[in-house]
Protein backbone atom coordinates (compact mmCIF):
# COMPACT_ATOMS: atom_id res chain seq x y z
CA MET A 1 -2.73 -6.59 2.29
CA ASN A 2 -0.01 -6.66 5.61
CA ARG A 3 -1.43 -5.08 9.15
CA ASN A 4 0.08 -1.53 8.29
CA THR A 5 -2.77 -1.38 5.63
CA LYS A 6 -5.61 -2.86 7.61
CA ASN A 7 -8.21 -0.18 6.90
CA ARG A 8 -10.95 1.41 8.92
CA PRO A 9 -14.45 0.24 7.20
CA GLU A 10 -15.18 4.00 6.87
CA GLU A 11 -11.93 4.82 4.51
CA LEU A 12 -11.54 5.12 0.74
CA THR A 13 -8.10 3.04 -0.53
CA VAL A 14 -6.86 4.63 -4.14
CA PHE A 15 -4.12 2.51 -5.46
CA ILE A 16 -0.91 3.38 -7.76
CA SER A 17 -1.38 1.48 -10.74
CA SER A 18 1.62 -0.59 -11.54
CA ARG A 19 0.26 -1.72 -15.28
CA GLU A 20 -1.26 0.70 -18.04
CA SER A 21 -5.25 1.70 -16.75
CA ARG A 22 -8.35 3.23 -18.41
CA CYS A 23 -11.00 4.40 -16.09
CA ASP A 24 -14.09 2.19 -16.64
CA GLU A 25 -16.21 5.30 -16.43
CA CYS A 26 -15.12 8.23 -18.37
CA GLY A 27 -12.74 6.04 -21.06
CA GLU A 28 -9.71 8.22 -20.49
CA ASP A 29 -6.06 6.50 -20.73
CA LEU A 30 -4.67 6.59 -17.98
CA GLY A 31 -1.64 5.13 -18.36
CA LYS A 32 1.38 3.48 -16.03
CA ARG A 33 1.02 4.81 -12.54
CA ALA A 34 -1.87 5.87 -12.61
CA TRP A 35 -3.86 6.97 -9.39
CA ILE A 36 -6.89 4.70 -9.62
CA THR A 37 -9.78 4.03 -7.41
CA LEU A 38 -11.35 0.32 -7.32
CA GLN A 39 -15.13 0.21 -7.09
CA GLY A 40 -17.77 -2.86 -7.15
CA GLN A 41 -17.82 -6.09 -6.17
CA GLY A 42 -15.49 -9.83 -6.27
CA GLY A 43 -15.18 -9.71 -9.96
CA ASN A 44 -16.95 -7.07 -11.18
CA ARG A 45 -14.54 -4.20 -9.51
CA LYS A 46 -14.02 -1.70 -11.95
CA ALA A 47 -10.90 0.98 -11.82
CA VAL A 48 -12.34 4.18 -12.00
CA CYS A 49 -9.72 7.62 -11.73
CA LEU A 50 -9.74 9.93 -8.98
CA SER A 51 -11.69 12.85 -11.48
CA CYS A 52 -15.12 10.46 -11.63
CA ALA A 53 -14.07 9.17 -8.23
CA ASP A 54 -14.80 13.25 -6.73
CA LEU A 55 -11.76 12.47 -5.02
CA ASP A 56 -9.03 14.86 -7.77
CA HIS A 57 -10.12 17.79 -5.23
CA LEU A 58 -7.91 16.36 -2.40
CA VAL A 59 -3.76 16.22 -1.63
CA PHE A 60 -1.43 13.70 -1.69
CA LEU A 61 0.30 14.06 1.74
CA PRO A 62 3.00 11.21 1.96
CA SER A 63 4.21 9.04 5.25
CA GLY A 64 6.77 9.88 7.17
CA ASP A 65 5.56 12.57 9.86
CA MET A 66 2.92 10.99 11.71
CA ALA A 67 1.86 13.89 14.02
CA LEU A 68 0.98 15.41 10.59
CA THR A 69 -0.56 12.67 9.17
CA ARG A 70 -2.53 11.74 11.67
CA ARG A 71 -4.01 15.59 12.35
CA SER A 72 -4.77 15.85 8.97
CA ARG A 73 -6.75 12.78 8.88
CA LYS A 74 -8.48 13.90 11.83
CA TYR A 75 -9.35 17.46 9.73
CA SER A 76 -10.20 16.33 6.72
CA LYS A 77 -14.09 15.39 5.98
CA LEU A 78 -12.85 13.49 3.47
CA ALA A 79 -9.52 10.85 3.11
CA ALA A 80 -8.31 8.33 1.18
CA ILE A 81 -5.49 5.72 2.09
CA VAL A 82 -2.77 5.52 -0.90
CA LEU A 83 -1.62 2.10 -1.54
CA LYS A 84 1.13 0.93 -3.55
CA TRP A 85 2.23 -2.66 -4.85
CA SER A 86 5.58 -3.79 -4.08
CA ARG A 87 7.68 -6.43 -6.29
CA ALA A 88 9.98 -7.08 -3.81
CA ARG A 89 8.24 -7.65 -0.61
CA LYS A 90 4.81 -9.15 -3.07
CA ARG A 91 2.34 -7.38 -0.71
CA TYR A 92 0.59 -3.48 -1.04
CA GLU A 93 2.07 -0.68 0.94
CA ARG A 94 1.27 2.62 2.44
CA GLN A 95 2.64 5.68 0.46
CA GLY A 96 0.50 8.27 2.48
CA LEU A 97 -3.06 10.09 2.56
CA LEU A 98 -5.09 12.10 0.37
CA VAL A 99 -6.79 14.50 2.35
CA GLU A 100 -8.07 18.15 1.84
CA ASN A 101 -5.58 21.35 1.43
CA GLU A 102 -7.58 22.81 4.42
CA ALA A 103 -6.63 20.18 6.96
CA ILE A 104 -3.14 19.72 5.84
CA GLU A 105 -2.87 23.36 6.83
CA ARG A 106 -4.35 23.10 10.32
CA ALA A 107 -2.24 20.42 10.60
CA GLU A 108 0.82 21.81 9.76
CA LYS A 109 -0.18 24.65 12.31
CA GLU A 110 -0.46 22.36 15.24
CA CYS A 111 2.37 20.43 14.47
CA ARG A 112 5.04 23.80 14.56
CA ALA A 113 3.40 24.67 18.36
CA ASP A 114 3.87 21.23 19.88
CA GLU A 115 7.42 20.57 17.95
CA GLY A 116 9.11 21.17 21.02
CA GLN A 117 7.22 19.09 22.97
CA ARG A 118 7.19 16.10 20.99
CA ALA A 119 10.93 16.16 20.45
CA VAL A 120 10.94 16.06 24.21
CA ARG A 121 8.47 12.48 23.53
CA ARG A 122 11.07 11.20 21.05
CA ALA A 123 13.79 11.66 23.60
CA GLN A 124 11.99 10.03 26.15
CA ALA A 125 11.24 7.02 23.85
CA ALA A 126 15.17 6.95 22.58
CA GLU A 127 15.86 6.68 26.43
CA ARG A 128 13.50 3.86 27.09
CA ARG A 129 14.19 2.05 23.60
CA ALA A 130 18.51 2.20 25.58
CA GLU A 131 17.19 0.39 28.62
CA LEU A 132 16.52 -2.62 26.87
CA ASP A 133 19.46 -5.14 27.90
CA GLN A 134 19.94 -6.33 24.14
CA GLU A 135 21.67 -9.64 24.77
CA TYR A 136 19.46 -11.09 27.31
CA ILE A 137 16.51 -10.21 25.32
CA SER A 138 17.80 -12.29 22.59
CA ARG A 139 18.31 -15.03 24.83
CA PHE A 140 14.71 -14.51 26.06
CA ALA A 141 13.13 -14.69 22.74
CA ALA A 142 14.94 -17.52 22.02
CA ARG A 143 13.52 -19.10 25.01
CA VAL A 144 10.32 -18.08 23.79
CA ARG A 145 10.70 -20.31 20.35
CA GLU A 146 12.36 -22.84 21.75
CA LEU A 147 9.36 -23.99 24.43
CA PHE A 148 6.62 -22.19 22.12
CA PRO A 149 7.69 -23.12 18.57
CA GLY A 150 3.88 -22.22 17.45
CA CYS A 151 4.41 -18.79 18.30
CA PRO A 152 4.32 -16.78 15.34
CA ALA A 153 6.87 -15.55 13.63
CA ALA A 154 9.08 -12.35 15.16
CA ARG A 155 6.59 -12.24 18.45
CA GLU A 156 9.22 -14.03 20.63
CA ARG A 157 10.94 -10.53 20.09
CA LEU A 158 8.50 -8.90 21.27
CA ILE A 159 7.06 -10.72 24.12
CA ALA A 160 10.57 -10.56 25.13
CA GLU A 161 11.20 -7.10 24.79
CA HIS A 162 7.78 -5.84 26.72
CA ALA A 163 8.84 -8.60 29.58
CA CYS A 164 12.65 -7.70 30.24
CA ARG A 165 12.37 -3.99 29.98
CA LYS A 166 14.37 -2.83 32.81
CA TYR A 167 13.29 -1.37 36.00
CA SER A 168 9.92 -2.72 35.08
CA GLY A 169 8.83 -4.52 37.88
CA ARG A 170 7.57 -7.23 34.15
CA VAL A 171 8.08 -10.93 35.05
CA GLY A 172 11.13 -10.94 32.54
CA ARG A 173 13.52 -9.18 35.15
CA SER A 174 12.77 -11.33 38.19
CA ALA A 175 15.80 -14.06 39.40
CA ALA A 176 13.71 -16.97 37.59
CA ALA A 177 13.21 -15.61 34.22
CA ARG A 178 17.23 -14.66 34.36
CA GLU A 179 17.80 -18.32 34.43
CA LEU A 180 15.12 -18.81 31.43
CA ASP A 181 12.91 -20.51 33.70
CA GLU A 182 10.26 -22.28 31.28
CA ASN A 183 7.52 -21.12 34.17
CA ALA A 184 8.55 -17.28 33.98
CA VAL A 185 8.72 -17.77 30.60
CA ARG A 186 5.37 -19.50 30.16
CA LEU A 187 4.16 -16.13 32.48
CA ALA A 188 5.71 -13.64 29.82
CA VAL A 189 4.03 -15.67 26.84
CA ALA A 190 0.77 -15.85 28.57
CA ALA A 191 0.55 -11.90 29.08
CA HIS A 192 1.55 -11.36 25.40
CA ILE A 193 -1.20 -13.12 24.73
CA ARG A 194 -4.06 -12.07 27.02
CA HIS A 195 -3.34 -8.17 25.58
CA GLN A 196 -2.70 -9.14 21.68
CA GLU A 197 -5.03 -12.00 21.10
CA THR A 198 -7.87 -11.63 23.47
CA PRO A 199 -10.21 -9.06 24.18
CA TYR A 200 -8.73 -8.64 27.85
CA ASP A 201 -7.78 -4.37 27.37
CA GLU A 202 -11.44 -4.03 25.89
CA LEU A 203 -13.01 -5.34 29.17
CA LEU A 204 -10.91 -3.54 31.00
CA LEU A 205 -11.78 -0.21 29.10
CA GLN A 206 -15.53 -1.16 29.73
CA GLY A 207 -14.72 -0.68 33.52
CA ILE A 208 -14.77 -4.68 34.05
CA ASP A 209 -12.54 -5.67 36.91
CA ARG A 210 -9.02 -6.55 36.01
CA ARG A 211 -9.46 -10.10 37.82
CA GLU A 212 -12.75 -10.97 36.22
CA ALA A 213 -12.05 -9.71 33.38
CA ARG A 214 -8.67 -11.83 33.16
CA GLU A 215 -11.08 -14.71 33.96
CA GLU A 216 -13.48 -14.11 31.13
CA VAL A 217 -10.17 -15.07 28.39
CA ARG A 218 -8.26 -17.93 30.91
CA ALA A 219 -9.55 -20.24 28.89
CA ARG A 220 -8.75 -18.75 25.34
CA VAL A 221 -5.49 -17.76 26.69
CA ALA A 222 -4.57 -21.48 27.78
CA ASP A 223 -5.81 -22.83 24.27
CA ILE A 224 -3.22 -20.45 22.59
CA LEU A 225 -0.69 -21.37 24.96
CA ASP A 226 -1.41 -24.98 23.94
CA GLN A 227 -1.24 -24.77 20.32
CA TRP A 228 2.26 -22.40 20.44
CA GLN A 229 3.53 -24.95 22.74
CA ALA A 230 2.47 -27.70 20.00
CA GLY A 231 4.08 -25.94 17.23
CA LYS A 232 0.35 -24.70 15.86
């Protein structure tokens, strides 16, 4: 299952079946594309229909509107993520949520009330994306891949976009980085690792001083840098 479908422990999961299904509790034939939950552990997991799982009172909210989804999930005491197997991508993909109808109605009311504010934020986000120098980012990403062949797939692009944003003052905007200097690129990769592969951000949220937090994760950052550079 990909990262986008990784669930919080308290959340339930409903699957849209791709084959003929039968509820192992009530015995009803559910046919293809049935909505089921899997209950039990390991090889003893059983398919259970939504009615037997006490989820049939929930309403399906398709993916697409992030604000509506987030708010509906917040207000629904019970919710379940809906997944469907993608034959093309060979993975389960999120289709939406099952939530209480009252939660959707409350979320829709809030979304209508602040649509103007969210439109402004979307416009600002578009401006931030536009400020990226795509050609330079591509060259910077290629340099990351060259120097750190073990970097996970597509990470080089994320590193480059973060480091090279205009007017940011970040390492990717320095003269050395413009020349794709190895040390400058290494600093950008190290910053990415610090935030994405270590508990550095969590330490800051706990109130730990930035220098102390950096020192605590320094060895971990160095180890990952060496692994990526060695192509591991």
